[in-house]
Amino acid sequence: MQVGIPPQLRDYTHAEAHVEASGATVAEILADLDRRFPGIRFRIVDEQDRIRPHLRIFVNEEQTRTLDARIATTDRILIFGALSGG
């Protein structure tokens, strides 16, 4: 399935905005991404296995805050980073 990568994490994906990953849960998707792009998972998930507060993960158009959210092969995953302004 396709995973949308936010600009602040694209150094890990060689500047790719969308990459392919496989898994049945958000956790498995992130583990697959980390196998292909070492270090990316730690930028998304903290030491307590929680999605970092400045990131949002959407399965299709619905936000999830849990890593055990089930994923179908037809789903689309989008990772968004918080924007800040001044």
PDB file of N, CA and C in Angstrom:
ATOM      1  N   MET A   1       0.834  -1.180   0.000  1.00  0.00           N
ATOM      2  CA  MET A   1       0.000   0.000   0.000  1.00  0.00           C
ATOM      3  C   MET A   1       0.877   1.240   0.000  1.00  0.00           C
ATOM      4  N   GLN A   2       0.283   2.324  -0.364  1.00  0.00           N
ATOM      5  CA  GLN A   2       1.033   3.574  -0.478  1.00  0.00           C
ATOM      6  C   GLN A   2       0.991   4.350   0.840  1.00  0.00           C
ATOM      7  N   VAL A   3       2.156   4.886   1.222  1.00  0.00           N
ATOM      8  CA  VAL A   3       2.275   5.691   2.435  1.00  0.00           C
ATOM      9  C   VAL A   3       2.800   7.062   2.036  1.00  0.00           C
ATOM     10  N   GLY A   4       2.056   8.101   2.407  1.00  0.00           N
ATOM     11  CA  GLY A   4       2.494   9.476   2.157  1.00  0.00           C
ATOM     12  C   GLY A   4       3.443   9.917   3.255  1.00  0.00           C
ATOM     13  N   ILE A   5       4.588  10.443   2.861  1.00  0.00           N
ATOM     14  CA  ILE A   5       5.641  10.845   3.790  1.00  0.00           C
ATOM     15  C   ILE A   5       5.704  12.375   3.853  1.00  0.00           C
ATOM     16  N   PRO A   6       5.707  12.949   5.074  1.00  0.00           N
ATOM     17  CA  PRO A   6       5.775  14.409   5.173  1.00  0.00           C
ATOM     18  C   PRO A   6       7.170  14.919   4.810  1.00  0.00           C
ATOM     19  N   PRO A   7       7.279  16.172   4.406  1.00  0.00           N
ATOM     20  CA  PRO A   7       8.569  16.725   3.985  1.00  0.00           C
ATOM     21  C   PRO A   7       9.687  16.550   5.007  1.00  0.00           C
ATOM     22  N   GLN A   8       9.381  16.686   6.304  1.00  0.00           N
ATOM     23  CA  GLN A   8      10.443  16.599   7.302  1.00  0.00           C
ATOM     24  C   GLN A   8      11.007  15.189   7.476  1.00  0.00           C
ATOM     25  N   LEU A   9      10.399  14.179   6.872  1.00  0.00           N
ATOM     26  CA  LEU A   9      10.915  12.804   6.956  1.00  0.00           C
ATOM     27  C   LEU A   9      11.441  12.287   5.621  1.00  0.00           C
ATOM     28  N   ARG A  10      11.402  13.097   4.613  1.00  0.00           N
ATOM     29  CA  ARG A  10      11.796  12.625   3.280  1.00  0.00           C
ATOM     30  C   ARG A  10      13.291  12.411   3.116  1.00  0.00           C
ATOM     31  N   ASP A  11      14.108  12.915   4.021  1.00  0.00           N
ATOM     32  CA  ASP A  11      15.536  12.580   3.970  1.00  0.00           C
ATOM     33  C   ASP A  11      15.722  11.075   4.115  1.00  0.00           C
ATOM     34  N   TYR A  12      14.852  10.439   4.878  1.00  0.00           N
ATOM     35  CA  TYR A  12      14.931   8.993   5.067  1.00  0.00           C
ATOM     36  C   TYR A  12      14.516   8.226   3.816  1.00  0.00           C
ATOM     37  N   THR A  13      13.579   8.781   3.051  1.00  0.00           N
ATOM     38  CA  THR A  13      13.032   8.083   1.878  1.00  0.00           C
ATOM     39  C   THR A  13      13.656   8.556   0.568  1.00  0.00           C
ATOM     40  N   HIS A  14      14.822   9.178   0.651  1.00  0.00           N
ATOM     41  CA  HIS A  14      15.529   9.660  -0.544  1.00  0.00           C
ATOM     42  C   HIS A  14      14.660  10.635  -1.334  1.00  0.00           C
ATOM     43  N   ALA A  15      13.981  11.517  -0.591  1.00  0.00           N
ATOM     44  CA  ALA A  15      13.138  12.596  -1.126  1.00  0.00           C
ATOM     45  C   ALA A  15      11.820  12.120  -1.724  1.00  0.00           C
ATOM     46  N   GLU A  16      11.487  10.851  -1.561  1.00  0.00           N
ATOM     47  CA  GLU A  16      10.218  10.332  -2.080  1.00  0.00           C
ATOM     48  C   GLU A  16       9.056  10.780  -1.194  1.00  0.00           C
ATOM     49  N   ALA A  17       8.004  11.329  -1.803  1.00  0.00           N
ATOM     50  CA  ALA A  17       6.825  11.768  -1.067  1.00  0.00           C
ATOM     51  C   ALA A  17       5.877  10.613  -0.778  1.00  0.00           C
ATOM     52  N   HIS A  18       5.931   9.574  -1.597  1.00  0.00           N
ATOM     53  CA  HIS A  18       5.083   8.387  -1.420  1.00  0.00           C
ATOM     54  C   HIS A  18       5.937   7.145  -1.597  1.00  0.00           C
ATOM     55  N   VAL A  19       5.793   6.213  -0.656  1.00  0.00           N
ATOM     56  CA  VAL A  19       6.537   4.958  -0.725  1.00  0.00           C
ATOM     57  C   VAL A  19       5.574   3.808  -0.484  1.00  0.00           C
ATOM     58  N   GLU A  20       5.981   2.626  -0.889  1.00  0.00           N
ATOM     59  CA  GLU A  20       5.175   1.427  -0.673  1.00  0.00           C
ATOM     60  C   GLU A  20       5.601   0.753   0.623  1.00  0.00           C
ATOM     61  N   ALA A  21       4.624   0.183   1.348  1.00  0.00           N
ATOM     62  CA  ALA A  21       4.894  -0.573   2.562  1.00  0.00           C
ATOM     63  C   ALA A  21       3.815  -1.635   2.703  1.00  0.00           C
ATOM     64  N   SER A  22       4.122  -2.649   3.493  1.00  0.00           N
ATOM     65  CA  SER A  22       3.119  -3.693   3.711  1.00  0.00           C
ATOM     66  C   SER A  22       2.978  -3.967   5.191  1.00  0.00           C
ATOM     67  N   GLY A  23       1.805  -4.451   5.581  1.00  0.00           N
ATOM     68  CA  GLY A  23       1.513  -4.792   6.964  1.00  0.00           C
ATOM     69  C   GLY A  23       0.024  -4.770   7.201  1.00  0.00           C
ATOM     70  N   ALA A  24      -0.395  -5.395   8.300  1.00  0.00           N
ATOM     71  CA  ALA A  24      -1.816  -5.475   8.644  1.00  0.00           C
ATOM     72  C   ALA A  24      -2.227  -4.454   9.695  1.00  0.00           C
ATOM     73  N   THR A  25      -1.234  -3.768  10.296  1.00  0.00           N
ATOM     74  CA  THR A  25      -1.510  -2.728  11.294  1.00  0.00           C
ATOM     75  C   THR A  25      -0.573  -1.547  11.033  1.00  0.00           C
ATOM     76  N   VAL A  26      -0.862  -0.436  11.680  1.00  0.00           N
ATOM     77  CA  VAL A  26       0.018   0.723  11.568  1.00  0.00           C
ATOM     78  C   VAL A  26       1.417   0.348  12.052  1.00  0.00           C
ATOM     79  N   ALA A  27       1.514  -0.404  13.142  1.00  0.00           N
ATOM     80  CA  ALA A  27       2.820  -0.823  13.669  1.00  0.00           C
ATOM     81  C   ALA A  27       3.599  -1.630  12.640  1.00  0.00           C
ATOM     82  N   GLU A  28       2.936  -2.546  11.943  1.00  0.00           N
ATOM     83  CA  GLU A  28       3.611  -3.357  10.930  1.00  0.00           C
ATOM     84  C   GLU A  28       4.043  -2.510   9.735  1.00  0.00           C
ATOM     85  N   ILE A  29       3.228  -1.547   9.362  1.00  0.00           N
ATOM     86  CA  ILE A  29       3.591  -0.634   8.271  1.00  0.00           C
ATOM     87  C   ILE A  29       4.852   0.137   8.649  1.00  0.00           C
ATOM     88  N   LEU A  30       4.895   0.672   9.874  1.00  0.00           N
ATOM     89  CA  LEU A  30       6.060   1.436  10.316  1.00  0.00           C
ATOM     90  C   LEU A  30       7.299   0.548  10.425  1.00  0.00           C
ATOM     91  N   ALA A  31       7.127  -0.687  10.853  1.00  0.00           N
ATOM     92  CA  ALA A  31       8.262  -1.615  10.920  1.00  0.00           C
ATOM     93  C   ALA A  31       8.793  -1.906   9.523  1.00  0.00           C
ATOM     94  N   ASP A  32       7.889  -2.072   8.557  1.00  0.00           N
ATOM     95  CA  ASP A  32       8.320  -2.313   7.176  1.00  0.00           C
ATOM     96  C   ASP A  32       9.053  -1.090   6.623  1.00  0.00           C
ATOM     97  N   LEU A  33       8.534   0.096   6.905  1.00  0.00           N
ATOM     98  CA  LEU A  33       9.222   1.317   6.472  1.00  0.00           C
ATOM     99  C   LEU A  33      10.614   1.395   7.086  1.00  0.00           C
ATOM    100  N   ASP A  34      10.731   1.031   8.370  1.00  0.00           N
ATOM    101  CA  ASP A  34      12.016   1.123   9.048  1.00  0.00           C
ATOM    102  C   ASP A  34      13.024   0.111   8.499  1.00  0.00           C
ATOM    103  N   ARG A  35      12.563  -1.036   8.034  1.00  0.00           N
ATOM    104  CA  ARG A  35      13.466  -1.999   7.391  1.00  0.00           C
ATOM    105  C   ARG A  35      14.037  -1.421   6.098  1.00  0.00           C
ATOM    106  N   ARG A  36      13.202  -0.708   5.384  1.00  0.00           N
ATOM    107  CA  ARG A  36      13.625  -0.139   4.098  1.00  0.00           C
ATOM    108  C   ARG A  36      14.329   1.204   4.251  1.00  0.00           C
ATOM    109  N   PHE A  37      13.916   1.963   5.261  1.00  0.00           N
ATOM    110  CA  PHE A  37      14.453   3.304   5.495  1.00  0.00           C
ATOM    111  C   PHE A  37      14.857   3.411   6.967  1.00  0.00           C
ATOM    112  N   PRO A  38      15.999   2.846   7.339  1.00  0.00           N
ATOM    113  CA  PRO A  38      16.405   2.776   8.749  1.00  0.00           C
ATOM    114  C   PRO A  38      16.352   4.130   9.460  1.00  0.00           C
ATOM    115  N   GLY A  39      15.745   4.104  10.653  1.00  0.00           N
ATOM    116  CA  GLY A  39      15.649   5.295  11.481  1.00  0.00           C
ATOM    117  C   GLY A  39      14.339   6.046  11.369  1.00  0.00           C
ATOM    118  N   ILE A  40      13.541   5.779  10.338  1.00  0.00           N
ATOM    119  CA  ILE A  40      12.320   6.558  10.139  1.00  0.00           C
ATOM    120  C   ILE A  40      11.283   6.291  11.233  1.00  0.00           C
ATOM    121  N   ARG A  41      11.192   5.055  11.703  1.00  0.00           N
ATOM    122  CA  ARG A  41      10.194   4.723  12.722  1.00  0.00           C
ATOM    123  C   ARG A  41      10.414   5.540  13.990  1.00  0.00           C
ATOM    124  N   PHE A  42      11.664   5.670  14.422  1.00  0.00           N
ATOM    125  CA  PHE A  42      11.952   6.422  15.645  1.00  0.00           C
ATOM    126  C   PHE A  42      11.554   7.890  15.510  1.00  0.00           C
ATOM    127  N   ARG A  43      11.533   8.415  14.322  1.00  0.00           N
ATOM    128  CA  ARG A  43      11.101   9.804  14.104  1.00  0.00           C
ATOM    129  C   ARG A  43       9.577   9.933  14.172  1.00  0.00           C
ATOM    130  N   ILE A  44       8.864   8.799  14.059  1.00  0.00           N
ATOM    131  CA  ILE A  44       7.399   8.788  14.074  1.00  0.00           C
ATOM    132  C   ILE A  44       6.858   8.324  15.417  1.00  0.00           C
ATOM    133  N   VAL A  45       7.552   7.368  16.050  1.00  0.00           N
ATOM    134  CA  VAL A  45       7.087   6.739  17.286  1.00  0.00           C
ATOM    135  C   VAL A  45       8.131   6.958  18.381  1.00  0.00           C
ATOM    136  N   ASP A  46       7.663   7.312  19.583  1.00  0.00           N
ATOM    137  CA  ASP A  46       8.605   7.557  20.683  1.00  0.00           C
ATOM    138  C   ASP A  46       8.996   6.258  21.395  1.00  0.00           C
ATOM    139  N   GLU A  47       9.754   6.401  22.477  1.00  0.00           N
ATOM    140  CA  GLU A  47      10.267   5.254  23.222  1.00  0.00           C
ATOM    141  C   GLU A  47       9.166   4.453  23.906  1.00  0.00           C
ATOM    142  N   GLN A  48       8.005   5.024  24.116  1.00  0.00           N
ATOM    143  CA  GLN A  48       6.871   4.337  24.729  1.00  0.00           C
ATOM    144  C   GLN A  48       5.906   3.773  23.676  1.00  0.00           C
ATOM    145  N   ASP A  49       6.360   3.689  22.441  1.00  0.00           N
ATOM    146  CA  ASP A  49       5.541   3.195  21.321  1.00  0.00           C
ATOM    147  C   ASP A  49       4.263   4.012  21.121  1.00  0.00           C
ATOM    148  N   ARG A  50       4.389   5.317  21.261  1.00  0.00           N
ATOM    149  CA  ARG A  50       3.277   6.228  20.974  1.00  0.00           C
ATOM    150  C   ARG A  50       3.658   7.093  19.779  1.00  0.00           C
ATOM    151  N   ILE A  51       2.673   7.415  18.981  1.00  0.00           N
ATOM    152  CA  ILE A  51       2.907   8.312  17.855  1.00  0.00           C
ATOM    153  C   ILE A  51       3.306   9.666  18.431  1.00  0.00           C
ATOM    154  N   ARG A  52       4.389  10.215  17.911  1.00  0.00           N
ATOM    155  CA  ARG A  52       4.889  11.492  18.442  1.00  0.00           C
ATOM    156  C   ARG A  52       3.811  12.578  18.306  1.00  0.00           C
ATOM    157  N   PRO A  53       3.719  13.480  19.298  1.00  0.00           N
ATOM    158  CA  PRO A  53       2.629  14.464  19.317  1.00  0.00           C
ATOM    159  C   PRO A  53       2.612  15.426  18.137  1.00  0.00           C
ATOM    160  N   HIS A  54       3.747  15.659  17.506  1.00  0.00           N
ATOM    161  CA  HIS A  54       3.781  16.601  16.388  1.00  0.00           C
ATOM    162  C   HIS A  54       3.463  15.937  15.048  1.00  0.00           C
ATOM    163  N   LEU A  55       3.137  14.639  15.072  1.00  0.00           N
ATOM    164  CA  LEU A  55       2.789  13.924  13.847  1.00  0.00           C
ATOM    165  C   LEU A  55       1.366  13.398  13.923  1.00  0.00           C
ATOM    166  N   ARG A  56       0.749  13.260  12.775  1.00  0.00           N
ATOM    167  CA  ARG A  56      -0.587  12.678  12.658  1.00  0.00           C
ATOM    168  C   ARG A  56      -0.520  11.584  11.602  1.00  0.00           C
ATOM    169  N   ILE A  57      -1.189  10.474  11.879  1.00  0.00           N
ATOM    170  CA  ILE A  57      -1.270   9.380  10.910  1.00  0.00           C
ATOM    171  C   ILE A  57      -2.731   9.183  10.563  1.00  0.00           C
ATOM    172  N   PHE A  58      -2.998   9.185   9.265  1.00  0.00           N
ATOM    173  CA  PHE A  58      -4.349   8.981   8.763  1.00  0.00           C
ATOM    174  C   PHE A  58      -4.397   7.683   7.974  1.00  0.00           C
ATOM    175  N   VAL A  59      -5.443   6.907   8.224  1.00  0.00           N
ATOM    176  CA  VAL A  59      -5.749   5.728   7.420  1.00  0.00           C
ATOM    177  C   VAL A  59      -6.942   6.149   6.584  1.00  0.00           C
ATOM    178  N   ASN A  60      -6.715   6.294   5.276  1.00  0.00           N
ATOM    179  CA  ASN A  60      -7.674   6.941   4.387  1.00  0.00           C
ATOM    180  C   ASN A  60      -7.884   8.350   4.915  1.00  0.00           C
ATOM    181  N   GLU A  61      -9.075   8.756   5.272  1.00  0.00           N
ATOM    182  CA  GLU A  61      -9.272  10.121   5.776  1.00  0.00           C
ATOM    183  C   GLU A  61      -9.470  10.170   7.280  1.00  0.00           C
ATOM    184  N   GLU A  62      -9.263   9.057   7.973  1.00  0.00           N
ATOM    185  CA  GLU A  62      -9.525   9.008   9.413  1.00  0.00           C
ATOM    186  C   GLU A  62      -8.226   8.943  10.210  1.00  0.00           C
ATOM    187  N   GLN A  63      -8.081   9.884  11.148  1.00  0.00           N
ATOM    188  CA  GLN A  63      -6.875   9.916  11.973  1.00  0.00           C
ATOM    189  C   GLN A  63      -6.874   8.758  12.962  1.00  0.00           C
ATOM    190  N   THR A  64      -5.701   8.176  13.158  1.00  0.00           N
ATOM    191  CA  THR A  64      -5.524   7.159  14.189  1.00  0.00           C
ATOM    192  C   THR A  64      -4.413   7.601  15.128  1.00  0.00           C
ATOM    193  N   ARG A  65      -4.575   7.308  16.419  1.00  0.00           N
ATOM    194  CA  ARG A  65      -3.527   7.610  17.398  1.00  0.00           C
ATOM    195  C   ARG A  65      -2.972   6.320  17.990  1.00  0.00           C
ATOM    196  N   THR A  66      -3.325   5.188  17.399  1.00  0.00           N
ATOM    197  CA  THR A  66      -2.888   3.909  17.929  1.00  0.00           C
ATOM    198  C   THR A  66      -2.135   3.101  16.874  1.00  0.00           C
ATOM    199  N   LEU A  67      -1.113   2.404  17.307  1.00  0.00           N
ATOM    200  CA  LEU A  67      -0.311   1.612  16.382  1.00  0.00           C
ATOM    201  C   LEU A  67      -0.970   0.296  16.020  1.00  0.00           C
ATOM    202  N   ASP A  68      -1.970  -0.133  16.793  1.00  0.00           N
ATOM    203  CA  ASP A  68      -2.609  -1.404  16.481  1.00  0.00           C
ATOM    204  C   ASP A  68      -3.823  -1.259  15.567  1.00  0.00           C
ATOM    205  N   ALA A  69      -4.033  -0.070  15.000  1.00  0.00           N
ATOM    206  CA  ALA A  69      -5.120   0.130  14.044  1.00  0.00           C
ATOM    207  C   ALA A  69      -4.935  -0.810  12.860  1.00  0.00           C
ATOM    208  N   ARG A  70      -5.985  -1.510  12.496  1.00  0.00           N
ATOM    209  CA  ARG A  70      -5.943  -2.469  11.391  1.00  0.00           C
ATOM    210  C   ARG A  70      -5.904  -1.729  10.048  1.00  0.00           C
ATOM    211  N   ILE A  71      -5.173  -2.323   9.110  1.00  0.00           N
ATOM    212  CA  ILE A  71      -5.002  -1.746   7.783  1.00  0.00           C
ATOM    213  C   ILE A  71      -5.416  -2.782   6.738  1.00  0.00           C
ATOM    214  N   ALA A  72      -6.219  -2.361   5.780  1.00  0.00           N
ATOM    215  CA  ALA A  72      -6.580  -3.223   4.647  1.00  0.00           C
ATOM    216  C   ALA A  72      -5.617  -2.940   3.495  1.00  0.00           C
ATOM    217  N   THR A  73      -5.463  -3.893   2.612  1.00  0.00           N
ATOM    218  CA  THR A  73      -4.522  -3.729   1.500  1.00  0.00           C
ATOM    219  C   THR A  73      -4.918  -2.588   0.567  1.00  0.00           C
ATOM    220  N   THR A  74      -6.172  -2.188   0.593  1.00  0.00           N
ATOM    221  CA  THR A  74      -6.624  -1.088  -0.268  1.00  0.00           C
ATOM    222  C   THR A  74      -6.548   0.274   0.415  1.00  0.00           C
ATOM    223  N   ASP A  75      -6.177   0.300   1.700  1.00  0.00           N
ATOM    224  CA  ASP A  75      -6.101   1.559   2.433  1.00  0.00           C
ATOM    225  C   ASP A  75      -4.904   2.389   1.986  1.00  0.00           C
ATOM    226  N   ARG A  76      -4.995   3.654   2.260  1.00  0.00           N
ATOM    227  CA  ARG A  76      -3.900   4.587   1.998  1.00  0.00           C
ATOM    228  C   ARG A  76      -3.518   5.223   3.320  1.00  0.00           C
ATOM    229  N   ILE A  77      -2.221   5.261   3.609  1.00  0.00           N
ATOM    230  CA  ILE A  77      -1.707   5.812   4.852  1.00  0.00           C
ATOM    231  C   ILE A  77      -1.055   7.158   4.547  1.00  0.00           C
ATOM    232  N   LEU A  78      -1.399   8.156   5.338  1.00  0.00           N
ATOM    233  CA  LEU A  78      -0.779   9.469   5.196  1.00  0.00           C
ATOM    234  C   LEU A  78      -0.207   9.883   6.545  1.00  0.00           C
ATOM    235  N   ILE A  79       1.040  10.319   6.537  1.00  0.00           N
ATOM    236  CA  ILE A  79       1.696  10.825   7.733  1.00  0.00           C
ATOM    237  C   ILE A  79       1.869  12.318   7.528  1.00  0.00           C
ATOM    238  N   PHE A  80       1.383  13.101   8.498  1.00  0.00           N
ATOM    239  CA  PHE A  80       1.490  14.557   8.417  1.00  0.00           C
ATOM    240  C   PHE A  80       2.298  15.073   9.588  1.00  0.00           C
ATOM    241  N   GLY A  81       3.092  16.091   9.333  1.00  0.00           N
ATOM    242  CA  GLY A  81       3.822  16.765  10.390  1.00  0.00           C
ATOM    243  C   GLY A  81       3.156  18.084  10.713  1.00  0.00           C
ATOM    244  N   ALA A  82       3.235  18.478  11.984  1.00  0.00           N
ATOM    245  CA  ALA A  82       2.661  19.753  12.404  1.00  0.00           C
ATOM    246  C   ALA A  82       3.406  20.914  11.755  1.00  0.00           C
ATOM    247  N   LEU A  83       2.675  21.951  11.453  1.00  0.00           N
ATOM    248  CA  LEU A  83       3.252  23.173  10.912  1.00  0.00           C
ATOM    249  C   LEU A  83       3.299  24.208  12.020  1.00  0.00           C
ATOM    250  N   SER A  84       4.308  25.019  12.001  1.00  0.00           N
ATOM    251  CA  SER A  84       4.378  26.101  12.977  1.00  0.00           C
ATOM    252  C   SER A  84       4.598  27.411  12.245  1.00  0.00           C
ATOM    253  N   GLY A  85       4.157  28.432  12.851  1.00  0.00           N
ATOM    254  CA  GLY A  85       4.302  29.742  12.222  1.00  0.00           C
ATOM    255  C   GLY A  85       4.664  30.786  13.263  1.00  0.00           C
ATOM    256  N   GLY A  86       4.814  31.976  12.808  1.00  0.00           N
ATOM    257  CA  GLY A  86       5.219  32.989  13.774  1.00  0.00           C
ATOM    258  C   GLY A  86       4.717  34.319  13.440  1.00  0.00           C
TER     259      GLY A  86
END
